[in-house]
């Protein structure tokens, strides 16, 4: 079978990967919001700091850290697994890149205000 693609290549800006990861995480039931990236900021992780996402690329493999606020009363382990699967699937399907890791960092729980 002959490859019929025209010559050239496609590059994906890290900001695109940040947005894909962010949107995929927010679609998961139990996610309340993204949290600002906490802790010391490594100079290699400048993108996505305010979006709750750190993206690192190594040999065209994506490594993602997501910082999240979850809804109260949910199973954190189950929601975390769903986020990992959703983000991995979104990156793989949308840009065709392999995903090495999707690390979940729960920064807070959104409790309803008592009236």
C-alpha atoms as a PDB file:
ATOM      1  CA  UNK A   1       0.000   0.000   0.000  1.00  0.00           C
ATOM      2  CA  UNK A   2       1.417   3.351  -1.038  1.00  0.00           C
ATOM      3  CA  UNK A   3       1.520   6.342   1.302  1.00  0.00           C
ATOM      4  CA  UNK A   4      -0.527   9.095  -0.358  1.00  0.00           C
ATOM      5  CA  UNK A   5       0.169  11.872   2.150  1.00  0.00           C
ATOM      6  CA  UNK A   6       1.866  14.970   0.745  1.00  0.00           C
ATOM      7  CA  UNK A   7       5.407  15.647   1.914  1.00  0.00           C
ATOM      8  CA  UNK A   8       5.788  17.767   5.030  1.00  0.00           C
ATOM      9  CA  UNK A   9       5.067  17.458   8.690  1.00  0.00           C
ATOM     10  CA  UNK A  10       2.601  18.669  11.255  1.00  0.00           C
ATOM     11  CA  UNK A  11       3.760  20.204  14.505  1.00  0.00           C
ATOM     12  CA  UNK A  12       1.525  20.744  17.509  1.00  0.00           C
ATOM     13  CA  UNK A  13       2.222  23.653  19.857  1.00  0.00           C
ATOM     14  CA  UNK A  14       2.391  22.717  23.550  1.00  0.00           C
ATOM     15  CA  UNK A  15      -0.472  25.164  24.190  1.00  0.00           C
ATOM     16  CA  UNK A  16      -2.690  22.963  22.016  1.00  0.00           C
ATOM     17  CA  UNK A  17      -1.819  19.925  24.141  1.00  0.00           C
ATOM     18  CA  UNK A  18      -2.539  21.923  27.303  1.00  0.00           C
ATOM     19  CA  UNK A  19      -5.973  22.891  25.976  1.00  0.00           C
ATOM     20  CA  UNK A  20      -6.814  19.343  24.857  1.00  0.00           C
ATOM     21  CA  UNK A  21      -5.850  17.958  28.281  1.00  0.00           C
ATOM     22  CA  UNK A  22      -7.757  20.699  30.108  1.00  0.00           C
ATOM     23  CA  UNK A  23     -10.953  20.244  28.096  1.00  0.00           C
ATOM     24  CA  UNK A  24     -10.789  16.443  28.346  1.00  0.00           C
ATOM     25  CA  UNK A  25     -10.397  16.636  32.134  1.00  0.00           C
ATOM     26  CA  UNK A  26     -13.252  19.123  32.564  1.00  0.00           C
ATOM     27  CA  UNK A  27     -15.623  16.793  30.665  1.00  0.00           C
ATOM     28  CA  UNK A  28     -15.223  14.061  33.298  1.00  0.00           C
ATOM     29  CA  UNK A  29     -18.082  13.785  35.776  1.00  0.00           C
ATOM     30  CA  UNK A  30     -16.875  14.755  39.259  1.00  0.00           C
ATOM     31  CA  UNK A  31     -14.410  17.418  38.105  1.00  0.00           C
ATOM     32  CA  UNK A  32     -15.385  20.817  39.485  1.00  0.00           C
ATOM     33  CA  UNK A  33     -12.575  22.947  38.020  1.00  0.00           C
ATOM     34  CA  UNK A  34      -8.902  23.117  37.192  1.00  0.00           C
ATOM     35  CA  UNK A  35      -6.590  24.444  39.912  1.00  0.00           C
ATOM     36  CA  UNK A  36      -3.551  26.664  39.430  1.00  0.00           C
ATOM     37  CA  UNK A  37      -0.347  24.631  39.245  1.00  0.00           C
ATOM     38  CA  UNK A  38       1.097  24.526  42.739  1.00  0.00           C
ATOM     39  CA  UNK A  39       4.587  24.285  44.169  1.00  0.00           C
ATOM     40  CA  UNK A  40       7.896  25.283  42.691  1.00  0.00           C
ATOM     41  CA  UNK A  41       7.649  25.832  38.990  1.00  0.00           C
ATOM     42  CA  UNK A  42      10.318  24.154  36.914  1.00  0.00           C
ATOM     43  CA  UNK A  43      11.435  26.312  33.986  1.00  0.00           C
ATOM     44  CA  UNK A  44      10.603  23.442  31.602  1.00  0.00           C
ATOM     45  CA  UNK A  45       6.953  23.600  32.651  1.00  0.00           C
ATOM     46  CA  UNK A  46       6.052  27.161  31.747  1.00  0.00           C
ATOM     47  CA  UNK A  47       3.023  26.303  29.601  1.00  0.00           C
ATOM     48  CA  UNK A  48      -0.393  25.755  31.126  1.00  0.00           C
ATOM     49  CA  UNK A  49       0.437  26.944  34.630  1.00  0.00           C
ATOM     50  CA  UNK A  50      -2.775  28.930  34.959  1.00  0.00           C
ATOM     51  CA  UNK A  51      -4.814  26.231  33.209  1.00  0.00           C
ATOM     52  CA  UNK A  52      -4.128  23.539  35.809  1.00  0.00           C
ATOM     53  CA  UNK A  53      -2.016  21.551  33.356  1.00  0.00           C
ATOM     54  CA  UNK A  54       1.713  20.916  32.959  1.00  0.00           C
ATOM     55  CA  UNK A  55       2.775  19.313  29.696  1.00  0.00           C
ATOM     56  CA  UNK A  56       6.199  17.859  29.056  1.00  0.00           C
ATOM     57  CA  UNK A  57       7.311  16.320  25.756  1.00  0.00           C
ATOM     58  CA  UNK A  58      10.050  13.717  25.527  1.00  0.00           C
ATOM     59  CA  UNK A  59      10.734  12.114  22.134  1.00  0.00           C
ATOM     60  CA  UNK A  60       7.204  12.949  20.921  1.00  0.00           C
ATOM     61  CA  UNK A  61       5.655  11.316  23.985  1.00  0.00           C
ATOM     62  CA  UNK A  62       3.345  13.473  26.120  1.00  0.00           C
ATOM     63  CA  UNK A  63       3.650  13.556  29.898  1.00  0.00           C
ATOM     64  CA  UNK A  64       0.872  15.513  31.615  1.00  0.00           C
ATOM     65  CA  UNK A  65       0.274  16.678  35.164  1.00  0.00           C
ATOM     66  CA  UNK A  66      -3.257  17.893  35.898  1.00  0.00           C
ATOM     67  CA  UNK A  67      -4.150  19.940  38.966  1.00  0.00           C
ATOM     68  CA  UNK A  68      -7.823  19.657  39.833  1.00  0.00           C
ATOM     69  CA  UNK A  69     -10.613  20.623  42.166  1.00  0.00           C
ATOM     70  CA  UNK A  70     -13.137  17.805  42.449  1.00  0.00           C
ATOM     71  CA  UNK A  71     -16.775  17.822  43.490  1.00  0.00           C
ATOM     72  CA  UNK A  72     -17.574  16.570  46.974  1.00  0.00           C
ATOM     73  CA  UNK A  73     -19.083  13.130  47.524  1.00  0.00           C
ATOM     74  CA  UNK A  74     -17.343  11.406  44.616  1.00  0.00           C
ATOM     75  CA  UNK A  75     -14.925   8.480  44.483  1.00  0.00           C
ATOM     76  CA  UNK A  76     -11.568  10.183  43.956  1.00  0.00           C
ATOM     77  CA  UNK A  77      -9.852   7.057  42.643  1.00  0.00           C
ATOM     78  CA  UNK A  78     -12.587   6.400  40.072  1.00  0.00           C
ATOM     79  CA  UNK A  79     -12.737  10.019  38.894  1.00  0.00           C
ATOM     80  CA  UNK A  80      -8.933  10.154  38.654  1.00  0.00           C
ATOM     81  CA  UNK A  81      -8.874   6.997  36.529  1.00  0.00           C
ATOM     82  CA  UNK A  82     -11.597   8.434  34.278  1.00  0.00           C
ATOM     83  CA  UNK A  83      -9.607  11.663  33.849  1.00  0.00           C
ATOM     84  CA  UNK A  84      -6.480   9.716  32.916  1.00  0.00           C
ATOM     85  CA  UNK A  85      -8.379   7.667  30.339  1.00  0.00           C
ATOM     86  CA  UNK A  86     -10.204  10.668  28.868  1.00  0.00           C
ATOM     87  CA  UNK A  87      -7.067  12.817  28.565  1.00  0.00           C
ATOM     88  CA  UNK A  88      -5.044   9.953  27.071  1.00  0.00           C
ATOM     89  CA  UNK A  89      -7.775   9.174  24.533  1.00  0.00           C
ATOM     90  CA  UNK A  90      -8.201  12.859  23.573  1.00  0.00           C
ATOM     91  CA  UNK A  91      -4.480  13.434  22.968  1.00  0.00           C
ATOM     92  CA  UNK A  92      -4.058  10.147  21.100  1.00  0.00           C
ATOM     93  CA  UNK A  93      -7.126  10.652  18.887  1.00  0.00           C
ATOM     94  CA  UNK A  94      -6.740  14.377  18.207  1.00  0.00           C
ATOM     95  CA  UNK A  95      -2.996  14.653  17.581  1.00  0.00           C
ATOM     96  CA  UNK A  96      -1.855  11.048  17.229  1.00  0.00           C
ATOM     97  CA  UNK A  97       0.803  11.329  19.926  1.00  0.00           C
ATOM     98  CA  UNK A  98       1.630   8.686  22.494  1.00  0.00           C
ATOM     99  CA  UNK A  99       0.969   9.475  26.142  1.00  0.00           C
ATOM    100  CA  UNK A 100       3.545   8.346  28.687  1.00  0.00           C
ATOM    101  CA  UNK A 101       1.809   9.485  31.880  1.00  0.00           C
ATOM    102  CA  UNK A 102      -1.180  11.467  33.058  1.00  0.00           C
ATOM    103  CA  UNK A 103      -0.591  12.353  36.708  1.00  0.00           C
ATOM    104  CA  UNK A 104      -3.543  13.633  38.709  1.00  0.00           C
ATOM    105  CA  UNK A 105      -3.041  16.116  41.540  1.00  0.00           C
ATOM    106  CA  UNK A 106      -6.148  16.755  43.668  1.00  0.00           C
ATOM    107  CA  UNK A 107      -5.696  20.281  45.007  1.00  0.00           C
ATOM    108  CA  UNK A 108      -9.079  20.747  46.667  1.00  0.00           C
ATOM    109  CA  UNK A 109     -12.659  19.535  47.006  1.00  0.00           C
ATOM    110  CA  UNK A 110     -15.530  21.925  46.189  1.00  0.00           C
ATOM    111  CA  UNK A 111     -17.927  21.660  49.105  1.00  0.00           C
ATOM    112  CA  UNK A 112     -21.373  23.216  48.830  1.00  0.00           C
ATOM    113  CA  UNK A 113     -21.860  26.256  51.044  1.00  0.00           C
ATOM    114  CA  UNK A 114     -24.239  25.500  53.910  1.00  0.00           C
ATOM    115  CA  UNK A 115     -27.166  27.941  53.794  1.00  0.00           C
END
